[in-house]
């Protein structure tokens, strides 16, 4: 049985349905392989018309999120496109920040090393432009976060791997949360920008090891700022992993 879906009334009921289902996917209430209830049942459950259900599921079909399987109904088959629809500002718990830190520690040094090996002149210029934007943004929280996100995206572009670039773009909203927590105080802006300078220098100098090391140092530096601020107090600074006891495994639902 798929999770109960409740929606808020807004301008577009179909849009509300799309975003609520995306939210439930993000928190693990709906998983790949789950079957959606019939159209009439969903409409009754959410107190909306069947036309709104059809419109929302047309969006999912176009995105490749769902697939109609003969004899089985509509199945969730691909969650990746949904993550671009999420307002991740709703998810600010320590658990989420832990997960972001883990993901960034795994991905960012790898991407930086690849950029050092592969970046062409356009890629180098793109990274440099984001650093210049970061300097102009010092003292402006929103502009500084934007410049930081643009920097990491530019490094992914320079790395020349389309899958990693897509991952970076899909996770951009998530990265916003960890960036936001590290920029609560203006004095942090210049020090984080200095990290970007070091990563850029290693990429420009074609030094993959130095680029990876500088990137990892930057991730840990941002984590330390968050820990020192008291925003998150249960992440291990060395591993980037949660220091809390492991959560019990989820029970397998009966089909």
C-alpha atoms as a PDB file:
ATOM      1  CA  UNK A   1       0.000   0.000   0.000  1.00  0.00           C
ATOM      2  CA  UNK A   2       1.451   3.336  -1.010  1.00  0.00           C
ATOM      3  CA  UNK A   3       1.798   6.117   1.549  1.00  0.00           C
ATOM      4  CA  UNK A   4      -1.186   8.360   2.201  1.00  0.00           C
ATOM      5  CA  UNK A   5      -0.928  11.537   0.169  1.00  0.00           C
ATOM      6  CA  UNK A   6      -2.321  14.833   1.397  1.00  0.00           C
ATOM      7  CA  UNK A   7      -2.101  18.069  -0.537  1.00  0.00           C
ATOM      8  CA  UNK A   8      -2.586  21.755   0.174  1.00  0.00           C
ATOM      9  CA  UNK A   9      -5.009  23.754  -1.884  1.00  0.00           C
ATOM     10  CA  UNK A  10      -3.254  26.160  -4.218  1.00  0.00           C
ATOM     11  CA  UNK A  11      -3.418  27.642  -7.665  1.00  0.00           C
ATOM     12  CA  UNK A  12      -2.647  24.333  -9.348  1.00  0.00           C
ATOM     13  CA  UNK A  13      -3.979  21.157  -7.795  1.00  0.00           C
ATOM     14  CA  UNK A  14      -1.966  19.056 -10.236  1.00  0.00           C
ATOM     15  CA  UNK A  15       1.194  20.939  -9.242  1.00  0.00           C
ATOM     16  CA  UNK A  16       0.424  20.329  -5.566  1.00  0.00           C
ATOM     17  CA  UNK A  17       0.004  16.618  -6.269  1.00  0.00           C
ATOM     18  CA  UNK A  18       3.309  16.487  -8.145  1.00  0.00           C
ATOM     19  CA  UNK A  19       5.224  18.244  -5.354  1.00  0.00           C
ATOM     20  CA  UNK A  20       3.620  16.230  -2.558  1.00  0.00           C
ATOM     21  CA  UNK A  21       4.494  12.942  -4.239  1.00  0.00           C
ATOM     22  CA  UNK A  22       8.031  14.228  -4.844  1.00  0.00           C
ATOM     23  CA  UNK A  23       8.262  15.104  -1.149  1.00  0.00           C
ATOM     24  CA  UNK A  24       7.085  11.641  -0.096  1.00  0.00           C
ATOM     25  CA  UNK A  25       9.707  10.088  -2.380  1.00  0.00           C
ATOM     26  CA  UNK A  26      12.396  12.301  -0.817  1.00  0.00           C
ATOM     27  CA  UNK A  27      11.577  11.126   2.716  1.00  0.00           C
ATOM     28  CA  UNK A  28      11.299   7.472   1.686  1.00  0.00           C
ATOM     29  CA  UNK A  29       7.541   7.076   2.036  1.00  0.00           C
ATOM     30  CA  UNK A  30       7.235   6.092  -1.620  1.00  0.00           C
ATOM     31  CA  UNK A  31       9.943   3.959  -3.215  1.00  0.00           C
ATOM     32  CA  UNK A  32      10.828   2.643  -6.674  1.00  0.00           C
ATOM     33  CA  UNK A  33       8.637  -0.334  -7.478  1.00  0.00           C
ATOM     34  CA  UNK A  34       5.678   0.952  -5.473  1.00  0.00           C
ATOM     35  CA  UNK A  35       2.331   0.808  -7.212  1.00  0.00           C
ATOM     36  CA  UNK A  36       0.029   3.826  -7.150  1.00  0.00           C
ATOM     37  CA  UNK A  37      -3.653   3.298  -6.310  1.00  0.00           C
ATOM     38  CA  UNK A  38      -6.162   3.550  -9.164  1.00  0.00           C
ATOM     39  CA  UNK A  39      -6.998   7.035 -10.421  1.00  0.00           C
ATOM     40  CA  UNK A  40     -10.442   7.108  -8.778  1.00  0.00           C
ATOM     41  CA  UNK A  41      -9.036   5.977  -5.426  1.00  0.00           C
ATOM     42  CA  UNK A  42      -6.287   8.608  -5.502  1.00  0.00           C
ATOM     43  CA  UNK A  43      -8.789  11.320  -6.406  1.00  0.00           C
ATOM     44  CA  UNK A  44     -11.011  10.337  -3.473  1.00  0.00           C
ATOM     45  CA  UNK A  45      -8.058  10.092  -1.090  1.00  0.00           C
ATOM     46  CA  UNK A  46      -6.818  13.589  -1.978  1.00  0.00           C
ATOM     47  CA  UNK A  47     -10.280  15.080  -2.429  1.00  0.00           C
ATOM     48  CA  UNK A  48      -9.505  16.316  -5.937  1.00  0.00           C
ATOM     49  CA  UNK A  49     -10.956  15.675  -9.354  1.00  0.00           C
ATOM     50  CA  UNK A  50      -9.728  12.824 -11.508  1.00  0.00           C
ATOM     51  CA  UNK A  51      -8.609  15.357 -14.122  1.00  0.00           C
ATOM     52  CA  UNK A  52      -6.055  16.762 -11.624  1.00  0.00           C
ATOM     53  CA  UNK A  53      -4.731  13.252 -11.005  1.00  0.00           C
ATOM     54  CA  UNK A  54      -4.413  12.628 -14.745  1.00  0.00           C
ATOM     55  CA  UNK A  55      -2.618  15.955 -15.258  1.00  0.00           C
ATOM     56  CA  UNK A  56      -0.126  15.240 -12.464  1.00  0.00           C
ATOM     57  CA  UNK A  57       0.612  11.754 -13.745  1.00  0.00           C
ATOM     58  CA  UNK A  58       1.104  13.071 -17.272  1.00  0.00           C
ATOM     59  CA  UNK A  59       3.967  15.120 -15.801  1.00  0.00           C
ATOM     60  CA  UNK A  60       5.423  11.982 -14.206  1.00  0.00           C
ATOM     61  CA  UNK A  61       5.069  10.056 -17.447  1.00  0.00           C
ATOM     62  CA  UNK A  62       6.842  12.780 -19.450  1.00  0.00           C
ATOM     63  CA  UNK A  63       9.674  12.822 -16.895  1.00  0.00           C
ATOM     64  CA  UNK A  64       9.969   9.034 -16.987  1.00  0.00           C
ATOM     65  CA  UNK A  65       9.082   8.812 -13.301  1.00  0.00           C
ATOM     66  CA  UNK A  66       6.179   6.386 -13.694  1.00  0.00           C
ATOM     67  CA  UNK A  67       5.348   3.587 -16.060  1.00  0.00           C
ATOM     68  CA  UNK A  68       1.982   1.989 -16.780  1.00  0.00           C
ATOM     69  CA  UNK A  69       2.467  -1.778 -16.648  1.00  0.00           C
ATOM     70  CA  UNK A  70      -0.277  -4.001 -18.076  1.00  0.00           C
ATOM     71  CA  UNK A  71      -2.070  -5.853 -15.307  1.00  0.00           C
ATOM     72  CA  UNK A  72      -0.097  -4.026 -12.599  1.00  0.00           C
ATOM     73  CA  UNK A  73      -1.149  -0.398 -12.880  1.00  0.00           C
ATOM     74  CA  UNK A  74       1.093   2.666 -12.548  1.00  0.00           C
ATOM     75  CA  UNK A  75       4.495   1.973 -10.999  1.00  0.00           C
ATOM     76  CA  UNK A  76       7.143   4.384  -9.707  1.00  0.00           C
ATOM     77  CA  UNK A  77      10.213   3.449 -11.756  1.00  0.00           C
ATOM     78  CA  UNK A  78      12.607   6.424 -11.652  1.00  0.00           C
ATOM     79  CA  UNK A  79      12.916   8.890  -8.763  1.00  0.00           C
ATOM     80  CA  UNK A  80      15.847  10.995 -10.020  1.00  0.00           C
ATOM     81  CA  UNK A  81      13.808  13.670 -11.875  1.00  0.00           C
ATOM     82  CA  UNK A  82      11.681  14.265  -8.783  1.00  0.00           C
ATOM     83  CA  UNK A  83      14.606  15.555  -6.746  1.00  0.00           C
ATOM     84  CA  UNK A  84      14.762  18.650  -8.939  1.00  0.00           C
ATOM     85  CA  UNK A  85      11.182  19.456  -7.874  1.00  0.00           C
ATOM     86  CA  UNK A  86      11.767  19.378  -4.127  1.00  0.00           C
ATOM     87  CA  UNK A  87      11.897  22.485  -1.967  1.00  0.00           C
ATOM     88  CA  UNK A  88      14.743  21.194   0.173  1.00  0.00           C
ATOM     89  CA  UNK A  89      14.431  24.137   2.561  1.00  0.00           C
ATOM     90  CA  UNK A  90      11.748  22.011   4.273  1.00  0.00           C
ATOM     91  CA  UNK A  91      14.351  19.395   5.167  1.00  0.00           C
ATOM     92  CA  UNK A  92      16.768  21.009   7.620  1.00  0.00           C
ATOM     93  CA  UNK A  93      17.179  18.244  10.176  1.00  0.00           C
ATOM     94  CA  UNK A  94      20.590  17.104  11.386  1.00  0.00           C
ATOM     95  CA  UNK A  95      20.056  13.794   9.586  1.00  0.00           C
ATOM     96  CA  UNK A  96      19.802  15.564   6.245  1.00  0.00           C
ATOM     97  CA  UNK A  97      22.899  17.687   6.880  1.00  0.00           C
ATOM     98  CA  UNK A  98      24.764  14.476   7.792  1.00  0.00           C
ATOM     99  CA  UNK A  99      23.737  12.880   4.522  1.00  0.00           C
ATOM    100  CA  UNK A 100      24.741  15.937   2.522  1.00  0.00           C
ATOM    101  CA  UNK A 101      28.166  16.006   4.171  1.00  0.00           C
ATOM    102  CA  UNK A 102      28.702  12.316   3.411  1.00  0.00           C
ATOM    103  CA  UNK A 103      27.689  12.751  -0.217  1.00  0.00           C
ATOM    104  CA  UNK A 104      29.834  15.818  -0.741  1.00  0.00           C
ATOM    105  CA  UNK A 105      32.893  14.235   0.885  1.00  0.00           C
ATOM    106  CA  UNK A 106      32.542  11.320  -1.535  1.00  0.00           C
ATOM    107  CA  UNK A 107      31.812  13.305  -4.691  1.00  0.00           C
ATOM    108  CA  UNK A 108      33.565  16.661  -4.539  1.00  0.00           C
ATOM    109  CA  UNK A 109      37.221  15.482  -4.301  1.00  0.00           C
ATOM    110  CA  UNK A 110      36.623  13.019  -7.160  1.00  0.00           C
ATOM    111  CA  UNK A 111      35.096  15.719  -9.353  1.00  0.00           C
ATOM    112  CA  UNK A 112      37.903  18.178  -8.561  1.00  0.00           C
ATOM    113  CA  UNK A 113      40.561  15.593  -9.468  1.00  0.00           C
ATOM    114  CA  UNK A 114      38.818  14.857 -12.762  1.00  0.00           C
ATOM    115  CA  UNK A 115      38.629  18.586 -13.508  1.00  0.00           C
ATOM    116  CA  UNK A 116      42.390  18.879 -12.938  1.00  0.00           C
ATOM    117  CA  UNK A 117      42.957  16.172 -15.551  1.00  0.00           C
ATOM    118  CA  UNK A 118      40.400  17.282 -18.129  1.00  0.00           C
ATOM    119  CA  UNK A 119      39.578  20.990 -17.845  1.00  0.00           C
ATOM    120  CA  UNK A 120      39.942  22.931 -21.077  1.00  0.00           C
ATOM    121  CA  UNK A 121      40.343  26.705 -21.397  1.00  0.00           C
ATOM    122  CA  UNK A 122      36.586  27.285 -21.215  1.00  0.00           C
ATOM    123  CA  UNK A 123      36.322  25.152 -18.105  1.00  0.00           C
ATOM    124  CA  UNK A 124      39.151  27.018 -16.378  1.00  0.00           C
ATOM    125  CA  UNK A 125      37.566  30.354 -17.306  1.00  0.00           C
ATOM    126  CA  UNK A 126      34.174  29.236 -16.010  1.00  0.00           C
ATOM    127  CA  UNK A 127      35.603  28.330 -12.599  1.00  0.00           C
ATOM    128  CA  UNK A 128      37.572  31.565 -12.417  1.00  0.00           C
ATOM    129  CA  UNK A 129      34.439  33.609 -13.130  1.00  0.00           C
ATOM    130  CA  UNK A 130      32.588  32.018 -10.209  1.00  0.00           C
ATOM    131  CA  UNK A 131      35.470  32.888  -7.862  1.00  0.00           C
ATOM    132  CA  UNK A 132      35.330  36.499  -9.048  1.00  0.00           C
ATOM    133  CA  UNK A 133      31.589  36.457  -8.365  1.00  0.00           C
ATOM    134  CA  UNK A 134      32.310  35.080  -4.898  1.00  0.00           C
ATOM    135  CA  UNK A 135      34.653  37.970  -4.136  1.00  0.00           C
ATOM    136  CA  UNK A 136      32.003  40.463  -5.196  1.00  0.00           C
ATOM    137  CA  UNK A 137      29.471  38.661  -2.993  1.00  0.00           C
ATOM    138  CA  UNK A 138      31.422  38.793   0.281  1.00  0.00           C
ATOM    139  CA  UNK A 139      29.026  40.037   2.954  1.00  0.00           C
ATOM    140  CA  UNK A 140      25.925  39.151   0.941  1.00  0.00           C
ATOM    141  CA  UNK A 141      24.603  35.778   2.124  1.00  0.00           C
ATOM    142  CA  UNK A 142      22.319  35.014  -0.831  1.00  0.00           C
ATOM    143  CA  UNK A 143      24.841  36.091  -3.478  1.00  0.00           C
ATOM    144  CA  UNK A 144      27.673  34.267  -1.691  1.00  0.00           C
ATOM    145  CA  UNK A 145      25.728  31.003  -1.594  1.00  0.00           C
ATOM    146  CA  UNK A 146      24.821  31.395  -5.267  1.00  0.00           C
ATOM    147  CA  UNK A 147      28.488  31.979  -6.194  1.00  0.00           C
ATOM    148  CA  UNK A 148      29.522  28.930  -4.160  1.00  0.00           C
ATOM    149  CA  UNK A 149      26.963  26.701  -5.867  1.00  0.00           C
ATOM    150  CA  UNK A 150      28.056  28.079  -9.239  1.00  0.00           C
ATOM    151  CA  UNK A 151      31.690  27.288  -8.362  1.00  0.00           C
ATOM    152  CA  UNK A 152      30.969  23.627  -7.634  1.00  0.00           C
ATOM    153  CA  UNK A 153      28.829  23.342 -10.758  1.00  0.00           C
ATOM    154  CA  UNK A 154      31.618  24.920 -12.846  1.00  0.00           C
ATOM    155  CA  UNK A 155      34.122  22.397 -11.452  1.00  0.00           C
ATOM    156  CA  UNK A 156      31.730  19.595 -12.441  1.00  0.00           C
ATOM    157  CA  UNK A 157      31.428  21.084 -15.935  1.00  0.00           C
ATOM    158  CA  UNK A 158      35.228  21.181 -16.197  1.00  0.00           C
ATOM    159  CA  UNK A 159      35.445  17.542 -15.060  1.00  0.00           C
ATOM    160  CA  UNK A 160      33.809  16.531 -18.340  1.00  0.00           C
ATOM    161  CA  UNK A 161      31.624  13.747 -16.945  1.00  0.00           C
ATOM    162  CA  UNK A 162      27.971  14.245 -17.811  1.00  0.00           C
ATOM    163  CA  UNK A 163      26.694  11.877 -15.126  1.00  0.00           C
ATOM    164  CA  UNK A 164      28.596  13.675 -12.370  1.00  0.00           C
ATOM    165  CA  UNK A 165      27.459  17.020 -13.758  1.00  0.00           C
ATOM    166  CA  UNK A 166      23.838  15.838 -13.739  1.00  0.00           C
ATOM    167  CA  UNK A 167      24.285  14.590 -10.164  1.00  0.00           C
ATOM    168  CA  UNK A 168      25.720  17.942  -9.112  1.00  0.00           C
ATOM    169  CA  UNK A 169      22.806  19.777 -10.688  1.00  0.00           C
ATOM    170  CA  UNK A 170      20.227  17.446  -9.167  1.00  0.00           C
ATOM    171  CA  UNK A 171      21.817  17.871  -5.742  1.00  0.00           C
ATOM    172  CA  UNK A 172      22.186  21.630  -6.102  1.00  0.00           C
ATOM    173  CA  UNK A 173      19.183  22.327  -3.879  1.00  0.00           C
ATOM    174  CA  UNK A 174      20.592  19.960  -1.273  1.00  0.00           C
ATOM    175  CA  UNK A 175      23.986  21.646  -1.480  1.00  0.00           C
ATOM    176  CA  UNK A 176      22.187  24.917  -0.794  1.00  0.00           C
ATOM    177  CA  UNK A 177      21.321  23.687   2.701  1.00  0.00           C
ATOM    178  CA  UNK A 178      24.903  22.812   3.691  1.00  0.00           C
ATOM    179  CA  UNK A 179      26.162  26.062   2.122  1.00  0.00           C
ATOM    180  CA  UNK A 180      23.533  28.076   3.973  1.00  0.00           C
ATOM    181  CA  UNK A 181      24.540  26.617   7.338  1.00  0.00           C
ATOM    182  CA  UNK A 182      28.209  27.530   6.743  1.00  0.00           C
ATOM    183  CA  UNK A 183      27.451  31.186   5.951  1.00  0.00           C
ATOM    184  CA  UNK A 184      25.694  32.353   9.065  1.00  0.00           C
ATOM    185  CA  UNK A 185      28.585  34.740   9.835  1.00  0.00           C
ATOM    186  CA  UNK A 186      30.204  37.138   7.335  1.00  0.00           C
ATOM    187  CA  UNK A 187      33.725  36.366   8.579  1.00  0.00           C
ATOM    188  CA  UNK A 188      33.415  32.875   7.082  1.00  0.00           C
ATOM    189  CA  UNK A 189      32.922  34.107   3.518  1.00  0.00           C
ATOM    190  CA  UNK A 190      36.544  35.023   2.799  1.00  0.00           C
ATOM    191  CA  UNK A 191      37.956  31.845   4.345  1.00  0.00           C
ATOM    192  CA  UNK A 192      35.646  29.609   2.329  1.00  0.00           C
ATOM    193  CA  UNK A 193      36.455  31.580  -0.804  1.00  0.00           C
ATOM    194  CA  UNK A 194      40.165  31.004  -0.085  1.00  0.00           C
ATOM    195  CA  UNK A 195      39.383  27.264  -0.220  1.00  0.00           C
ATOM    196  CA  UNK A 196      37.888  27.773  -3.680  1.00  0.00           C
ATOM    197  CA  UNK A 197      41.078  29.575  -4.717  1.00  0.00           C
ATOM    198  CA  UNK A 198      43.162  26.561  -3.643  1.00  0.00           C
ATOM    199  CA  UNK A 199      40.948  24.103  -5.511  1.00  0.00           C
ATOM    200  CA  UNK A 200      41.049  26.294  -8.594  1.00  0.00           C
ATOM    201  CA  UNK A 201      44.840  26.663  -8.435  1.00  0.00           C
ATOM    202  CA  UNK A 202      45.277  22.877  -8.328  1.00  0.00           C
ATOM    203  CA  UNK A 203      42.885  22.400 -11.268  1.00  0.00           C
ATOM    204  CA  UNK A 204      44.631  25.118 -13.268  1.00  0.00           C
ATOM    205  CA  UNK A 205      48.016  23.515 -12.465  1.00  0.00           C
ATOM    206  CA  UNK A 206      46.770  20.083 -13.619  1.00  0.00           C
ATOM    207  CA  UNK A 207      47.418  18.502 -10.211  1.00  0.00           C
ATOM    208  CA  UNK A 208      44.620  15.958  -9.493  1.00  0.00           C
ATOM    209  CA  UNK A 209      45.958  14.927  -6.070  1.00  0.00           C
ATOM    210  CA  UNK A 210      46.231  18.511  -4.895  1.00  0.00           C
ATOM    211  CA  UNK A 211      42.771  19.290  -6.296  1.00  0.00           C
ATOM    212  CA  UNK A 212      41.207  16.344  -4.458  1.00  0.00           C
ATOM    213  CA  UNK A 213      43.013  17.234  -1.217  1.00  0.00           C
ATOM    214  CA  UNK A 214      41.979  20.891  -1.458  1.00  0.00           C
ATOM    215  CA  UNK A 215      38.389  19.878  -2.157  1.00  0.00           C
ATOM    216  CA  UNK A 216      38.266  17.508   0.816  1.00  0.00           C
ATOM    217  CA  UNK A 217      39.809  20.188   3.014  1.00  0.00           C
ATOM    218  CA  UNK A 218      37.110  22.606   1.863  1.00  0.00           C
ATOM    219  CA  UNK A 219      34.353  20.133   2.743  1.00  0.00           C
ATOM    220  CA  UNK A 220      35.808  19.565   6.209  1.00  0.00           C
ATOM    221  CA  UNK A 221      36.331  23.294   6.706  1.00  0.00           C
ATOM    222  CA  UNK A 222      32.661  23.948   5.964  1.00  0.00           C
ATOM    223  CA  UNK A 223      31.671  21.126   8.307  1.00  0.00           C
ATOM    224  CA  UNK A 224      33.810  22.581  11.103  1.00  0.00           C
ATOM    225  CA  UNK A 225      32.113  25.955  10.687  1.00  0.00           C
ATOM    226  CA  UNK A 226      28.711  24.275  10.998  1.00  0.00           C
ATOM    227  CA  UNK A 227      29.800  22.306  14.073  1.00  0.00           C
ATOM    228  CA  UNK A 228      31.291  25.390  15.715  1.00  0.00           C
ATOM    229  CA  UNK A 229      28.085  27.302  15.080  1.00  0.00           C
ATOM    230  CA  UNK A 230      26.098  24.692  17.015  1.00  0.00           C
ATOM    231  CA  UNK A 231      23.712  24.138  14.093  1.00  0.00           C
ATOM    232  CA  UNK A 232      24.559  20.424  13.906  1.00  0.00           C
ATOM    233  CA  UNK A 233      26.190  18.604  16.800  1.00  0.00           C
ATOM    234  CA  UNK A 234      26.084  14.930  15.850  1.00  0.00           C
ATOM    235  CA  UNK A 235      28.361  14.667  12.827  1.00  0.00           C
ATOM    236  CA  UNK A 236      31.808  13.152  13.222  1.00  0.00           C
ATOM    237  CA  UNK A 237      34.271  15.718  11.887  1.00  0.00           C
ATOM    238  CA  UNK A 238      36.804  13.134  10.678  1.00  0.00           C
ATOM    239  CA  UNK A 239      34.461  10.881   8.729  1.00  0.00           C
ATOM    240  CA  UNK A 240      31.658  13.283   7.981  1.00  0.00           C
ATOM    241  CA  UNK A 241      29.267  10.608   9.235  1.00  0.00           C
ATOM    242  CA  UNK A 242      26.612  10.840  11.903  1.00  0.00           C
ATOM    243  CA  UNK A 243      27.941  10.210  15.395  1.00  0.00           C
ATOM    244  CA  UNK A 244      24.550   9.025  16.589  1.00  0.00           C
ATOM    245  CA  UNK A 245      23.827   5.287  16.849  1.00  0.00           C
ATOM    246  CA  UNK A 246      22.837   3.638  13.580  1.00  0.00           C
ATOM    247  CA  UNK A 247      19.139   3.835  12.901  1.00  0.00           C
ATOM    248  CA  UNK A 248      17.351   0.481  12.901  1.00  0.00           C
ATOM    249  CA  UNK A 249      16.794  -1.056   9.488  1.00  0.00           C
ATOM    250  CA  UNK A 250      13.420  -0.363   7.980  1.00  0.00           C
ATOM    251  CA  UNK A 251      11.033  -3.270   7.998  1.00  0.00           C
ATOM    252  CA  UNK A 252      10.280  -4.732   4.605  1.00  0.00           C
ATOM    253  CA  UNK A 253       6.695  -4.032   3.757  1.00  0.00           C
ATOM    254  CA  UNK A 254       4.470  -6.864   2.676  1.00  0.00           C
ATOM    255  CA  UNK A 255       3.507  -6.664  -0.960  1.00  0.00           C
END
